[in-house]
Amino acid sequence: MIKNIVKHTLSDNWYTLYKYTYEYQKKDGLWERQEREAYDRGNGAAILLFNKEKGTVILTKQFRMPTYVNGNNDGMMVEVCAGLLDGDHPEACIKKEVEEETGYKINKVEKVFESYMSPGSVTEILYFFIGEYKERMKVGEGGGAENETENIEVLELNFDKAMEWVREGKIKDAKTIMLLQYAALNNLV
């Protein structure tokens, strides 16, 4: 249980960083004052696009500055397609992101779970989807929205190769690993 919550904005630049001061009731019934910072970037959605017949998945590759400054030599990350909801329903968001990032227009998606991705510091809930793609669904080149400076490379990988990349550490993105493992556990590909 918590009470007396005070919220201060520390930064409102790219996303918003808040500092919360509050009282937390411990198991012994005593109250203690705590402070935490929480980064609010909004909620998001992610999807694993798979082709069961071909045994392939669609992933993306793009530069991620936070990984670069934390030791990822070139800053490039291999990931599933994902994006922030920006007020959209998760399903509508992920369909839009798929077309922008990968060039595929997909109509049927299935929500498989949702997760807090970094609950100690980030408010985001991520909605996880799967969707089967076919070659006929390709309507563009992908690469991301022009105004978002994403510079996304679209990768079509054999599913076994993608899992090998996880084992080798070539794929280090949590949402991607989670969806690839979901696909493996459920024999999707």
N, C-alpha and C. Protein backbone atom coordinates (compact mmCIF):
# COMPACT_ATOMS: atom_id res chain seq x y z
N MET A 1 0.84 -1.17 0.00
CA MET A 1 0.00 0.00 0.00
C MET A 1 0.89 1.24 0.00
N ILE A 2 0.49 2.26 -0.73
CA ILE A 2 1.22 3.52 -0.74
C ILE A 2 0.26 4.68 -0.51
N LYS A 3 0.81 5.81 -0.03
CA LYS A 3 -0.01 7.01 0.18
C LYS A 3 0.87 8.24 0.03
N ASN A 4 0.23 9.39 0.01
CA ASN A 4 0.92 10.69 -0.07
C ASN A 4 1.89 10.76 -1.26
N ILE A 5 1.39 10.43 -2.42
CA ILE A 5 2.21 10.42 -3.63
C ILE A 5 2.40 11.85 -4.13
N VAL A 6 3.65 12.24 -4.36
CA VAL A 6 3.98 13.53 -4.93
C VAL A 6 4.78 13.27 -6.21
N LYS A 7 4.35 13.88 -7.30
CA LYS A 7 4.96 13.65 -8.62
C LYS A 7 5.59 14.93 -9.12
N HIS A 8 6.87 14.85 -9.51
CA HIS A 8 7.59 15.99 -10.09
C HIS A 8 8.12 15.60 -11.46
N THR A 9 8.00 16.50 -12.43
CA THR A 9 8.56 16.27 -13.75
C THR A 9 10.03 16.66 -13.74
N LEU A 10 10.90 15.70 -14.08
CA LEU A 10 12.33 15.98 -14.16
C LEU A 10 12.76 16.35 -15.57
N SER A 11 12.11 15.74 -16.57
CA SER A 11 12.44 16.00 -17.96
C SER A 11 11.21 15.72 -18.81
N ASP A 12 10.97 16.57 -19.79
CA ASP A 12 9.86 16.38 -20.71
C ASP A 12 10.37 16.68 -22.12
N ASN A 13 11.38 15.93 -22.52
CA ASN A 13 12.03 16.17 -23.80
C ASN A 13 11.54 15.16 -24.83
N TRP A 14 12.21 14.02 -24.95
CA TRP A 14 11.79 12.99 -25.91
C TRP A 14 10.56 12.28 -25.38
N TYR A 15 10.66 11.79 -24.12
CA TYR A 15 9.54 11.25 -23.37
C TYR A 15 9.58 11.97 -22.03
N THR A 16 8.86 11.48 -21.02
CA THR A 16 8.79 12.21 -19.76
C THR A 16 9.39 11.39 -18.62
N LEU A 17 10.24 12.04 -17.85
CA LEU A 17 10.85 11.42 -16.68
C LEU A 17 10.26 12.08 -15.44
N TYR A 18 9.64 11.27 -14.59
CA TYR A 18 9.03 11.76 -13.36
C TYR A 18 9.80 11.25 -12.14
N LYS A 19 9.75 12.05 -11.08
CA LYS A 19 10.26 11.61 -9.78
C LYS A 19 9.06 11.53 -8.84
N TYR A 20 8.87 10.37 -8.24
CA TYR A 20 7.78 10.15 -7.30
C TYR A 20 8.33 10.03 -5.88
N THR A 21 7.71 10.75 -4.97
CA THR A 21 7.99 10.61 -3.54
C THR A 21 6.69 10.13 -2.91
N TYR A 22 6.78 9.14 -2.04
CA TYR A 22 5.57 8.55 -1.47
C TYR A 22 5.92 7.81 -0.18
N GLU A 23 4.88 7.41 0.51
CA GLU A 23 5.06 6.59 1.70
C GLU A 23 4.60 5.18 1.36
N TYR A 24 5.42 4.21 1.74
CA TYR A 24 5.17 2.80 1.45
C TYR A 24 5.00 2.04 2.77
N GLN A 25 3.91 1.27 2.87
CA GLN A 25 3.69 0.50 4.09
C GLN A 25 4.36 -0.86 3.97
N LYS A 26 5.28 -1.12 4.89
CA LYS A 26 6.01 -2.39 4.89
C LYS A 26 5.17 -3.49 5.52
N LYS A 27 5.66 -4.73 5.42
CA LYS A 27 4.93 -5.88 5.96
C LYS A 27 4.67 -5.76 7.45
N ASP A 28 5.59 -5.10 8.17
CA ASP A 28 5.41 -4.96 9.62
C ASP A 28 4.44 -3.85 10.00
N GLY A 29 3.85 -3.19 8.98
CA GLY A 29 2.87 -2.14 9.22
C GLY A 29 3.44 -0.73 9.30
N LEU A 30 4.74 -0.63 9.41
CA LEU A 30 5.39 0.68 9.48
C LEU A 30 5.45 1.31 8.10
N TRP A 31 5.42 2.65 8.10
CA TRP A 31 5.48 3.39 6.85
C TRP A 31 6.89 3.94 6.67
N GLU A 32 7.39 3.87 5.42
CA GLU A 32 8.69 4.49 5.13
C GLU A 32 8.55 5.37 3.90
N ARG A 33 9.31 6.45 3.88
CA ARG A 33 9.32 7.36 2.73
C ARG A 33 10.26 6.80 1.67
N GLN A 34 9.79 6.78 0.42
CA GLN A 34 10.60 6.29 -0.69
C GLN A 34 10.56 7.29 -1.84
N GLU A 35 11.57 7.23 -2.68
CA GLU A 35 11.63 8.03 -3.91
C GLU A 35 12.01 7.11 -5.06
N ARG A 36 11.34 7.29 -6.16
CA ARG A 36 11.65 6.53 -7.37
C ARG A 36 11.46 7.43 -8.58
N GLU A 37 12.23 7.16 -9.62
CA GLU A 37 12.04 7.83 -10.90
C GLU A 37 11.39 6.85 -11.86
N ALA A 38 10.51 7.35 -12.69
CA ALA A 38 9.82 6.52 -13.67
C ALA A 38 9.82 7.25 -15.01
N TYR A 39 10.26 6.53 -16.03
CA TYR A 39 10.32 7.05 -17.38
C TYR A 39 9.02 6.67 -18.10
N ASP A 40 8.25 7.66 -18.53
CA ASP A 40 6.98 7.41 -19.20
C ASP A 40 7.14 7.67 -20.69
N ARG A 41 7.20 6.61 -21.44
CA ARG A 41 7.34 6.71 -22.89
C ARG A 41 6.09 6.25 -23.61
N GLY A 42 5.06 5.90 -22.85
CA GLY A 42 3.83 5.38 -23.44
C GLY A 42 3.91 3.87 -23.58
N ASN A 43 2.79 3.28 -23.93
CA ASN A 43 2.73 1.83 -24.12
C ASN A 43 3.00 1.50 -25.58
N GLY A 44 3.33 0.24 -25.83
CA GLY A 44 3.69 -0.16 -27.18
C GLY A 44 3.15 -1.52 -27.56
N ALA A 45 3.46 -1.90 -28.78
CA ALA A 45 3.07 -3.20 -29.32
C ALA A 45 4.22 -3.75 -30.15
N ALA A 46 4.33 -5.08 -30.16
CA ALA A 46 5.37 -5.76 -30.93
C ALA A 46 4.75 -6.99 -31.58
N ILE A 47 5.32 -7.39 -32.72
CA ILE A 47 4.75 -8.55 -33.43
C ILE A 47 5.85 -9.38 -34.06
N LEU A 48 5.65 -10.70 -34.00
CA LEU A 48 6.49 -11.61 -34.76
C LEU A 48 5.72 -12.01 -36.01
N LEU A 49 6.23 -11.62 -37.15
CA LEU A 49 5.67 -12.03 -38.44
C LEU A 49 6.33 -13.34 -38.82
N PHE A 50 5.53 -14.34 -39.13
CA PHE A 50 6.09 -15.65 -39.49
C PHE A 50 5.38 -16.20 -40.72
N ASN A 51 6.11 -17.03 -41.46
CA ASN A 51 5.55 -17.73 -42.61
C ASN A 51 5.79 -19.21 -42.36
N LYS A 52 4.74 -19.90 -41.99
CA LYS A 52 4.83 -21.32 -41.62
C LYS A 52 5.32 -22.17 -42.79
N GLU A 53 4.82 -21.91 -44.00
CA GLU A 53 5.20 -22.71 -45.17
C GLU A 53 6.69 -22.59 -45.47
N LYS A 54 7.21 -21.38 -45.41
CA LYS A 54 8.63 -21.14 -45.73
C LYS A 54 9.55 -21.37 -44.54
N GLY A 55 8.97 -21.36 -43.33
CA GLY A 55 9.78 -21.52 -42.13
C GLY A 55 10.60 -20.28 -41.82
N THR A 56 10.02 -19.10 -42.12
CA THR A 56 10.76 -17.84 -41.97
C THR A 56 10.04 -16.88 -41.05
N VAL A 57 10.79 -15.87 -40.62
CA VAL A 57 10.26 -14.77 -39.83
C VAL A 57 10.78 -13.47 -40.42
N ILE A 58 10.03 -12.40 -40.21
CA ILE A 58 10.47 -11.07 -40.62
C ILE A 58 10.94 -10.33 -39.38
N LEU A 59 12.17 -9.85 -39.41
CA LEU A 59 12.74 -9.04 -38.34
C LEU A 59 13.24 -7.74 -38.93
N THR A 60 13.58 -6.81 -38.08
CA THR A 60 14.10 -5.53 -38.54
C THR A 60 15.48 -5.30 -37.92
N LYS A 61 16.23 -4.40 -38.54
CA LYS A 61 17.55 -4.05 -38.02
C LYS A 61 17.66 -2.53 -38.09
N GLN A 62 18.02 -1.93 -36.94
CA GLN A 62 18.17 -0.48 -36.92
C GLN A 62 19.12 -0.06 -35.81
N PHE A 63 19.60 1.17 -35.92
CA PHE A 63 20.51 1.74 -34.92
C PHE A 63 19.73 2.15 -33.68
N ARG A 64 20.27 1.77 -32.52
CA ARG A 64 19.66 2.11 -31.22
C ARG A 64 20.73 2.77 -30.35
N MET A 65 20.66 4.08 -30.21
CA MET A 65 21.66 4.84 -29.47
C MET A 65 21.88 4.34 -28.04
N PRO A 66 20.82 4.05 -27.25
CA PRO A 66 21.06 3.56 -25.89
C PRO A 66 21.93 2.30 -25.84
N THR A 67 21.80 1.41 -26.83
CA THR A 67 22.63 0.21 -26.83
C THR A 67 24.07 0.55 -27.20
N TYR A 68 24.22 1.52 -28.08
CA TYR A 68 25.56 1.94 -28.49
C TYR A 68 26.36 2.49 -27.30
N VAL A 69 25.72 3.35 -26.51
CA VAL A 69 26.43 3.94 -25.37
C VAL A 69 26.63 2.93 -24.24
N ASN A 70 25.96 1.78 -24.34
CA ASN A 70 26.14 0.74 -23.32
C ASN A 70 26.90 -0.47 -23.86
N GLY A 71 27.79 -0.23 -24.83
CA GLY A 71 28.71 -1.27 -25.26
C GLY A 71 28.36 -2.04 -26.51
N ASN A 72 27.22 -1.78 -27.15
CA ASN A 72 26.88 -2.45 -28.40
C ASN A 72 27.66 -1.74 -29.50
N ASN A 73 28.75 -2.35 -29.93
CA ASN A 73 29.77 -1.70 -30.77
C ASN A 73 29.24 -0.81 -31.89
N ASP A 74 28.33 -1.32 -32.72
CA ASP A 74 27.83 -0.49 -33.81
C ASP A 74 26.43 0.07 -33.55
N GLY A 75 25.83 -0.30 -32.42
CA GLY A 75 24.51 0.21 -32.06
C GLY A 75 23.36 -0.42 -32.82
N MET A 76 23.66 -1.36 -33.71
CA MET A 76 22.61 -1.98 -34.51
C MET A 76 21.94 -3.10 -33.71
N MET A 77 20.60 -3.15 -33.81
CA MET A 77 19.82 -4.18 -33.11
C MET A 77 18.90 -4.89 -34.09
N VAL A 78 18.82 -6.20 -33.96
CA VAL A 78 17.86 -7.01 -34.72
C VAL A 78 16.66 -7.21 -33.81
N GLU A 79 15.48 -6.84 -34.33
CA GLU A 79 14.28 -6.82 -33.51
C GLU A 79 13.05 -7.25 -34.31
N VAL A 80 12.00 -7.61 -33.58
CA VAL A 80 10.69 -7.75 -34.21
C VAL A 80 10.16 -6.35 -34.49
N CYS A 81 9.19 -6.26 -35.35
CA CYS A 81 8.53 -4.99 -35.63
C CYS A 81 7.79 -4.53 -34.38
N ALA A 82 7.92 -3.24 -34.05
CA ALA A 82 7.28 -2.73 -32.83
C ALA A 82 7.11 -1.22 -32.95
N GLY A 83 6.27 -0.69 -32.06
CA GLY A 83 6.08 0.76 -32.03
C GLY A 83 5.23 1.19 -30.86
N LEU A 84 5.25 2.48 -30.60
CA LEU A 84 4.44 3.06 -29.53
C LEU A 84 2.99 3.20 -29.99
N LEU A 85 2.07 3.05 -29.05
CA LEU A 85 0.65 3.12 -29.39
C LEU A 85 0.22 4.50 -29.86
N ASP A 86 0.79 5.55 -29.29
CA ASP A 86 0.43 6.93 -29.65
C ASP A 86 -1.08 7.13 -29.71
N GLY A 87 -1.79 6.59 -28.72
CA GLY A 87 -3.25 6.76 -28.64
C GLY A 87 -4.05 5.73 -29.40
N ASP A 88 -3.41 4.91 -30.22
CA ASP A 88 -4.12 3.87 -30.97
C ASP A 88 -4.39 2.66 -30.10
N HIS A 89 -5.35 1.85 -30.52
CA HIS A 89 -5.57 0.54 -29.92
C HIS A 89 -4.36 -0.33 -30.30
N PRO A 90 -3.89 -1.22 -29.43
CA PRO A 90 -2.71 -2.02 -29.74
C PRO A 90 -2.76 -2.74 -31.09
N GLU A 91 -3.90 -3.33 -31.43
CA GLU A 91 -4.00 -4.06 -32.70
C GLU A 91 -3.88 -3.11 -33.89
N ALA A 92 -4.53 -1.96 -33.82
CA ALA A 92 -4.43 -0.98 -34.91
C ALA A 92 -3.01 -0.46 -35.03
N CYS A 93 -2.38 -0.23 -33.90
CA CYS A 93 -1.00 0.26 -33.89
C CYS A 93 -0.07 -0.72 -34.57
N ILE A 94 -0.17 -2.00 -34.21
CA ILE A 94 0.80 -2.96 -34.73
C ILE A 94 0.60 -3.20 -36.22
N LYS A 95 -0.63 -3.14 -36.70
CA LYS A 95 -0.87 -3.29 -38.14
C LYS A 95 -0.24 -2.13 -38.90
N LYS A 96 -0.36 -0.92 -38.35
CA LYS A 96 0.24 0.26 -38.98
C LYS A 96 1.77 0.15 -38.97
N GLU A 97 2.33 -0.26 -37.84
CA GLU A 97 3.79 -0.39 -37.72
C GLU A 97 4.33 -1.44 -38.68
N VAL A 98 3.61 -2.55 -38.84
CA VAL A 98 4.05 -3.60 -39.76
C VAL A 98 4.21 -3.05 -41.16
N GLU A 99 3.22 -2.29 -41.61
CA GLU A 99 3.30 -1.75 -42.97
C GLU A 99 4.41 -0.71 -43.09
N GLU A 100 4.53 0.18 -42.10
CA GLU A 100 5.59 1.21 -42.15
C GLU A 100 6.98 0.60 -42.10
N GLU A 101 7.18 -0.36 -41.19
CA GLU A 101 8.53 -0.88 -40.96
C GLU A 101 8.93 -1.99 -41.92
N THR A 102 7.98 -2.86 -42.28
CA THR A 102 8.35 -4.04 -43.09
C THR A 102 7.83 -4.01 -44.51
N GLY A 103 6.82 -3.19 -44.78
CA GLY A 103 6.23 -3.15 -46.11
C GLY A 103 5.13 -4.18 -46.32
N TYR A 104 4.80 -4.96 -45.30
CA TYR A 104 3.72 -5.95 -45.41
C TYR A 104 2.43 -5.35 -44.87
N LYS A 105 1.33 -5.60 -45.57
CA LYS A 105 0.00 -5.20 -45.09
C LYS A 105 -0.67 -6.45 -44.55
N ILE A 106 -0.78 -6.50 -43.24
CA ILE A 106 -1.30 -7.70 -42.59
C ILE A 106 -2.64 -7.37 -41.94
N ASN A 107 -3.64 -8.21 -42.17
CA ASN A 107 -4.98 -7.94 -41.65
C ASN A 107 -5.30 -8.71 -40.38
N LYS A 108 -4.72 -9.89 -40.22
CA LYS A 108 -5.04 -10.73 -39.06
C LYS A 108 -3.84 -10.83 -38.15
N VAL A 109 -4.02 -10.40 -36.91
CA VAL A 109 -2.99 -10.54 -35.89
C VAL A 109 -3.63 -11.17 -34.66
N GLU A 110 -2.81 -11.79 -33.83
CA GLU A 110 -3.30 -12.41 -32.60
C GLU A 110 -2.47 -11.93 -31.42
N LYS A 111 -3.15 -11.36 -30.44
CA LYS A 111 -2.45 -10.95 -29.21
C LYS A 111 -2.17 -12.21 -28.41
N VAL A 112 -0.89 -12.38 -27.99
CA VAL A 112 -0.52 -13.59 -27.26
C VAL A 112 -0.20 -13.33 -25.79
N PHE A 113 0.25 -12.13 -25.45
CA PHE A 113 0.46 -11.77 -24.04
C PHE A 113 0.84 -10.30 -23.97
N GLU A 114 0.99 -9.80 -22.75
CA GLU A 114 1.48 -8.44 -22.54
C GLU A 114 2.44 -8.47 -21.36
N SER A 115 3.34 -7.49 -21.33
CA SER A 115 4.38 -7.51 -20.31
C SER A 115 4.89 -6.10 -20.02
N TYR A 116 5.21 -5.86 -18.74
CA TYR A 116 6.01 -4.68 -18.38
C TYR A 116 7.44 -5.04 -18.76
N MET A 117 8.10 -4.19 -19.51
CA MET A 117 9.42 -4.54 -20.02
C MET A 117 10.56 -4.19 -19.08
N SER A 118 10.41 -3.17 -18.28
CA SER A 118 11.43 -2.79 -17.32
C SER A 118 10.73 -2.13 -16.13
N PRO A 119 10.03 -2.92 -15.31
CA PRO A 119 9.13 -2.36 -14.30
C PRO A 119 9.80 -1.56 -13.20
N GLY A 120 11.09 -1.63 -13.07
CA GLY A 120 11.77 -0.85 -12.06
C GLY A 120 11.99 0.60 -12.45
N SER A 121 11.83 0.91 -13.75
CA SER A 121 12.13 2.28 -14.17
C SER A 121 11.26 2.82 -15.30
N VAL A 122 10.56 1.96 -16.03
CA VAL A 122 9.79 2.40 -17.19
C VAL A 122 8.33 1.99 -17.02
N THR A 123 7.39 2.90 -17.31
CA THR A 123 5.97 2.63 -17.13
C THR A 123 5.37 1.74 -18.22
N GLU A 124 6.04 1.57 -19.33
CA GLU A 124 5.51 0.91 -20.52
C GLU A 124 5.00 -0.52 -20.30
N ILE A 125 3.80 -0.77 -20.84
CA ILE A 125 3.28 -2.12 -21.04
C ILE A 125 3.41 -2.38 -22.54
N LEU A 126 3.95 -3.54 -22.89
CA LEU A 126 4.10 -3.91 -24.28
C LEU A 126 3.12 -5.05 -24.59
N TYR A 127 2.33 -4.86 -25.66
CA TYR A 127 1.37 -5.86 -26.11
C TYR A 127 2.05 -6.68 -27.21
N PHE A 128 2.08 -8.00 -27.04
CA PHE A 128 2.79 -8.90 -27.95
C PHE A 128 1.81 -9.60 -28.88
N PHE A 129 2.12 -9.57 -30.17
CA PHE A 129 1.28 -10.17 -31.20
C PHE A 129 2.08 -11.13 -32.06
N ILE A 130 1.37 -12.02 -32.73
CA ILE A 130 1.93 -12.83 -33.80
C ILE A 130 1.04 -12.63 -35.01
N GLY A 131 1.61 -12.83 -36.19
CA GLY A 131 0.83 -12.72 -37.42
C GLY A 131 1.53 -13.44 -38.55
N GLU A 132 0.76 -14.18 -39.32
CA GLU A 132 1.35 -14.89 -40.45
C GLU A 132 1.36 -13.99 -41.67
N TYR A 133 2.49 -13.98 -42.36
CA TYR A 133 2.61 -13.18 -43.57
C TYR A 133 2.80 -14.09 -44.78
N LYS A 134 2.36 -13.60 -45.93
CA LYS A 134 2.55 -14.26 -47.23
C LYS A 134 3.17 -13.24 -48.17
N GLU A 135 3.83 -13.71 -49.19
CA GLU A 135 4.49 -12.81 -50.15
C GLU A 135 3.51 -11.83 -50.77
N ARG A 136 2.28 -12.27 -51.01
CA ARG A 136 1.28 -11.41 -51.65
C ARG A 136 0.91 -10.20 -50.78
N MET A 137 1.25 -10.23 -49.51
CA MET A 137 0.94 -9.14 -48.59
C MET A 137 1.96 -8.00 -48.67
N LYS A 138 3.02 -8.19 -49.42
CA LYS A 138 4.07 -7.17 -49.54
C LYS A 138 3.53 -6.03 -50.41
N VAL A 139 3.41 -4.83 -49.82
CA VAL A 139 2.86 -3.68 -50.54
C VAL A 139 3.85 -2.52 -50.64
N GLY A 140 4.99 -2.67 -50.00
CA GLY A 140 5.99 -1.60 -50.03
C GLY A 140 7.34 -2.11 -49.56
N GLU A 141 8.30 -1.20 -49.49
CA GLU A 141 9.66 -1.57 -49.09
C GLU A 141 9.85 -1.58 -47.58
N GLY A 142 8.98 -0.89 -46.85
CA GLY A 142 9.19 -0.78 -45.41
C GLY A 142 10.29 0.23 -45.13
N GLY A 143 10.95 0.07 -44.01
CA GLY A 143 12.04 0.98 -43.65
C GLY A 143 11.68 2.01 -42.61
N GLY A 144 10.39 2.10 -42.27
CA GLY A 144 9.95 3.05 -41.25
C GLY A 144 9.29 4.27 -41.83
N ALA A 145 8.61 5.01 -40.97
CA ALA A 145 7.93 6.24 -41.39
C ALA A 145 8.98 7.30 -41.72
N GLU A 146 8.75 8.02 -42.77
CA GLU A 146 9.70 9.04 -43.26
C GLU A 146 10.06 10.05 -42.18
N ASN A 147 9.08 10.47 -41.40
CA ASN A 147 9.31 11.53 -40.41
C ASN A 147 9.88 11.02 -39.09
N GLU A 148 10.15 9.71 -38.97
CA GLU A 148 10.63 9.15 -37.71
C GLU A 148 12.12 8.80 -37.72
N THR A 149 12.82 9.08 -38.79
CA THR A 149 14.28 8.83 -38.93
C THR A 149 14.68 7.46 -38.39
N GLU A 150 13.97 6.42 -38.81
CA GLU A 150 14.24 5.08 -38.30
C GLU A 150 15.30 4.33 -39.11
N ASN A 151 15.32 4.49 -40.42
CA ASN A 151 16.31 3.82 -41.27
C ASN A 151 16.36 2.32 -41.00
N ILE A 152 15.21 1.68 -41.14
CA ILE A 152 15.06 0.26 -40.81
C ILE A 152 15.40 -0.62 -42.00
N GLU A 153 16.20 -1.65 -41.73
CA GLU A 153 16.48 -2.69 -42.71
C GLU A 153 15.56 -3.87 -42.40
N VAL A 154 14.88 -4.40 -43.42
CA VAL A 154 13.97 -5.53 -43.24
C VAL A 154 14.74 -6.83 -43.51
N LEU A 155 14.63 -7.77 -42.57
CA LEU A 155 15.32 -9.06 -42.70
C LEU A 155 14.29 -10.18 -42.74
N GLU A 156 14.43 -11.07 -43.71
CA GLU A 156 13.65 -12.30 -43.71
C GLU A 156 14.62 -13.42 -43.39
N LEU A 157 14.42 -14.07 -42.25
CA LEU A 157 15.33 -15.10 -41.78
C LEU A 157 14.62 -16.43 -41.62
N ASN A 158 15.34 -17.50 -41.89
CA ASN A 158 14.87 -18.82 -41.53
C ASN A 158 14.71 -18.84 -40.02
N PHE A 159 13.63 -19.43 -39.51
CA PHE A 159 13.36 -19.43 -38.08
C PHE A 159 14.52 -20.05 -37.29
N ASP A 160 15.07 -21.15 -37.78
CA ASP A 160 16.20 -21.79 -37.08
C ASP A 160 17.39 -20.85 -37.00
N LYS A 161 17.62 -20.07 -38.04
CA LYS A 161 18.72 -19.10 -38.04
C LYS A 161 18.46 -18.02 -36.99
N ALA A 162 17.22 -17.55 -36.90
CA ALA A 162 16.87 -16.54 -35.89
C ALA A 162 17.14 -17.08 -34.48
N MET A 163 16.76 -18.32 -34.23
CA MET A 163 17.01 -18.92 -32.92
C MET A 163 18.51 -19.10 -32.68
N GLU A 164 19.24 -19.41 -33.72
CA GLU A 164 20.70 -19.52 -33.61
C GLU A 164 21.29 -18.15 -33.25
N TRP A 165 20.76 -17.08 -33.85
CA TRP A 165 21.24 -15.73 -33.54
C TRP A 165 20.96 -15.37 -32.08
N VAL A 166 19.86 -15.87 -31.52
CA VAL A 166 19.60 -15.65 -30.10
C VAL A 166 20.69 -16.33 -29.28
N ARG A 167 20.97 -17.60 -29.59
CA ARG A 167 21.99 -18.36 -28.85
C ARG A 167 23.37 -17.72 -28.97
N GLU A 168 23.67 -17.18 -30.14
CA GLU A 168 24.98 -16.57 -30.40
C GLU A 168 25.10 -15.15 -29.87
N GLY A 169 23.99 -14.56 -29.42
CA GLY A 169 24.01 -13.19 -28.93
C GLY A 169 23.91 -12.15 -30.03
N LYS A 170 23.55 -12.53 -31.24
CA LYS A 170 23.34 -11.57 -32.32
C LYS A 170 21.98 -10.88 -32.16
N ILE A 171 21.05 -11.57 -31.51
CA ILE A 171 19.76 -10.97 -31.15
C ILE A 171 19.78 -10.82 -29.63
N LYS A 172 19.73 -9.56 -29.17
CA LYS A 172 19.78 -9.27 -27.73
C LYS A 172 18.55 -8.52 -27.25
N ASP A 173 17.61 -8.28 -28.12
CA ASP A 173 16.41 -7.52 -27.78
C ASP A 173 15.40 -8.42 -27.07
N ALA A 174 14.96 -8.01 -25.89
CA ALA A 174 14.08 -8.85 -25.06
C ALA A 174 12.76 -9.19 -25.75
N LYS A 175 12.11 -8.20 -26.37
CA LYS A 175 10.81 -8.48 -26.98
C LYS A 175 10.95 -9.49 -28.12
N THR A 176 12.05 -9.42 -28.83
CA THR A 176 12.30 -10.34 -29.94
C THR A 176 12.55 -11.75 -29.42
N ILE A 177 13.37 -11.85 -28.40
CA ILE A 177 13.65 -13.15 -27.80
C ILE A 177 12.37 -13.77 -27.26
N MET A 178 11.56 -12.96 -26.59
CA MET A 178 10.30 -13.47 -26.02
C MET A 178 9.37 -14.00 -27.11
N LEU A 179 9.24 -13.27 -28.21
CA LEU A 179 8.33 -13.72 -29.28
C LEU A 179 8.91 -14.92 -30.03
N LEU A 180 10.21 -14.96 -30.24
CA LEU A 180 10.81 -16.13 -30.89
C LEU A 180 10.64 -17.38 -30.02
N GLN A 181 10.81 -17.22 -28.71
CA GLN A 181 10.60 -18.35 -27.81
C GLN A 181 9.14 -18.78 -27.79
N TYR A 182 8.23 -17.80 -27.84
CA TYR A 182 6.81 -18.13 -27.92
C TYR A 182 6.55 -18.97 -29.17
N ALA A 183 7.12 -18.56 -30.30
CA ALA A 183 6.93 -19.29 -31.55
C ALA A 183 7.49 -20.70 -31.44
N ALA A 184 8.65 -20.85 -30.81
CA ALA A 184 9.25 -22.17 -30.65
C ALA A 184 8.38 -23.06 -29.75
N LEU A 185 7.92 -22.51 -28.63
CA LEU A 185 7.11 -23.29 -27.69
C LEU A 185 5.77 -23.72 -28.29
N ASN A 186 5.26 -22.92 -29.21
CA ASN A 186 3.95 -23.19 -29.81
C ASN A 186 4.01 -23.72 -31.22
N ASN A 187 5.21 -24.12 -31.66
CA ASN A 187 5.42 -24.73 -33.00
C ASN A 187 4.78 -23.91 -34.11
N LEU A 188 4.96 -22.58 -34.08
CA LEU A 188 4.37 -21.72 -35.11
C LEU A 188 5.09 -21.84 -36.44
N VAL A 189 6.38 -22.04 -36.38
CA VAL A 189 7.19 -22.05 -37.61
C VAL A 189 7.86 -23.39 -37.78
